[in-house]
Amino acid sequence: MQPQNKNRMTLYLVYATPLNNGPVIEDTVAASNEDEAYQKARALYPRHQFDVTVYLQSADDD
């Protein structure tokens, strides 16, 4: 039997809305929890340029 990986990565959806009213950017990040996903999203989409929302990717999402 293999040990469970406690640091299993989960896919999170990222919606980054430019503060200058540009189109919303849809992206994904892999993280072990929502806080880490938000940190990764912020590294990609800085606070001074984007409003960021992070959602857990559901298995039944298309």
Protein backbone atom coordinates (compact mmCIF):
# COMPACT_ATOMS: atom_id res chain seq x y z
CA MET A 1 0.00 0.00 0.00
CA GLN A 2 1.32 3.46 -0.95
CA PRO A 3 1.32 6.28 1.62
CA GLN A 4 -1.18 9.07 1.00
CA ASN A 5 0.29 12.29 -0.29
CA LYS A 6 -0.76 14.99 2.20
CA ASN A 7 0.46 17.70 -0.17
CA ARG A 8 -1.79 16.58 -3.02
CA MET A 9 -2.31 19.38 -5.50
CA THR A 10 -5.79 20.52 -6.50
CA LEU A 11 -6.74 22.56 -9.54
CA TYR A 12 -8.20 26.01 -8.83
CA LEU A 13 -9.87 28.33 -11.32
CA VAL A 14 -8.60 31.89 -11.38
CA TYR A 15 -10.56 34.85 -12.73
CA ALA A 16 -8.40 37.96 -13.05
CA THR A 17 -10.21 41.17 -13.89
CA PRO A 18 -7.93 44.00 -15.03
CA LEU A 19 -8.45 47.18 -13.04
CA ASN A 20 -8.31 49.15 -16.31
CA ASN A 21 -11.59 47.52 -17.49
CA GLY A 22 -10.03 45.00 -19.88
CA PRO A 23 -11.45 41.52 -20.52
CA VAL A 24 -11.51 38.98 -17.68
CA ILE A 25 -8.67 36.46 -17.84
CA GLU A 26 -9.56 32.85 -17.02
CA ASP A 27 -6.66 30.72 -15.78
CA THR A 28 -5.88 27.80 -13.46
CA VAL A 29 -3.32 27.13 -10.74
CA ALA A 30 -2.43 23.91 -8.93
CA ALA A 31 -2.17 24.27 -5.16
CA SER A 32 -2.57 22.27 -1.97
CA ASN A 33 -5.21 24.67 -0.56
CA GLU A 34 -7.16 27.82 -1.38
CA ASP A 35 -4.72 30.16 0.36
CA GLU A 36 -1.81 28.81 -1.67
CA ALA A 37 -3.92 29.08 -4.85
CA TYR A 38 -4.63 32.73 -4.08
CA GLN A 39 -0.93 33.42 -3.45
CA LYS A 40 -0.01 31.79 -6.77
CA ALA A 41 -2.73 33.75 -8.57
CA ARG A 42 -1.44 36.98 -7.02
CA ALA A 43 2.08 36.16 -8.24
CA LEU A 44 0.67 35.91 -11.77
CA TYR A 45 -1.80 38.78 -11.48
CA PRO A 46 -0.49 41.59 -9.22
CA ARG A 47 -2.89 43.45 -6.93
CA HIS A 48 -2.10 46.84 -8.51
CA GLN A 49 -3.26 45.56 -11.92
CA PHE A 50 -5.94 42.90 -11.28
CA ASP A 51 -8.87 41.96 -9.08
CA VAL A 52 -8.52 38.18 -8.54
CA THR A 53 -11.10 35.54 -7.60
CA VAL A 54 -10.13 31.90 -6.97
CA TYR A 55 -12.53 28.94 -7.08
CA LEU A 56 -12.05 25.25 -6.45
CA GLN A 57 -12.21 23.34 -9.74
CA SER A 58 -15.15 20.92 -9.56
CA ALA A 59 -14.88 17.46 -11.10
CA ASP A 60 -18.08 18.08 -13.08
CA ASP A 61 -16.96 21.43 -14.56
CA ASP A 62 -16.48 21.41 -18.32
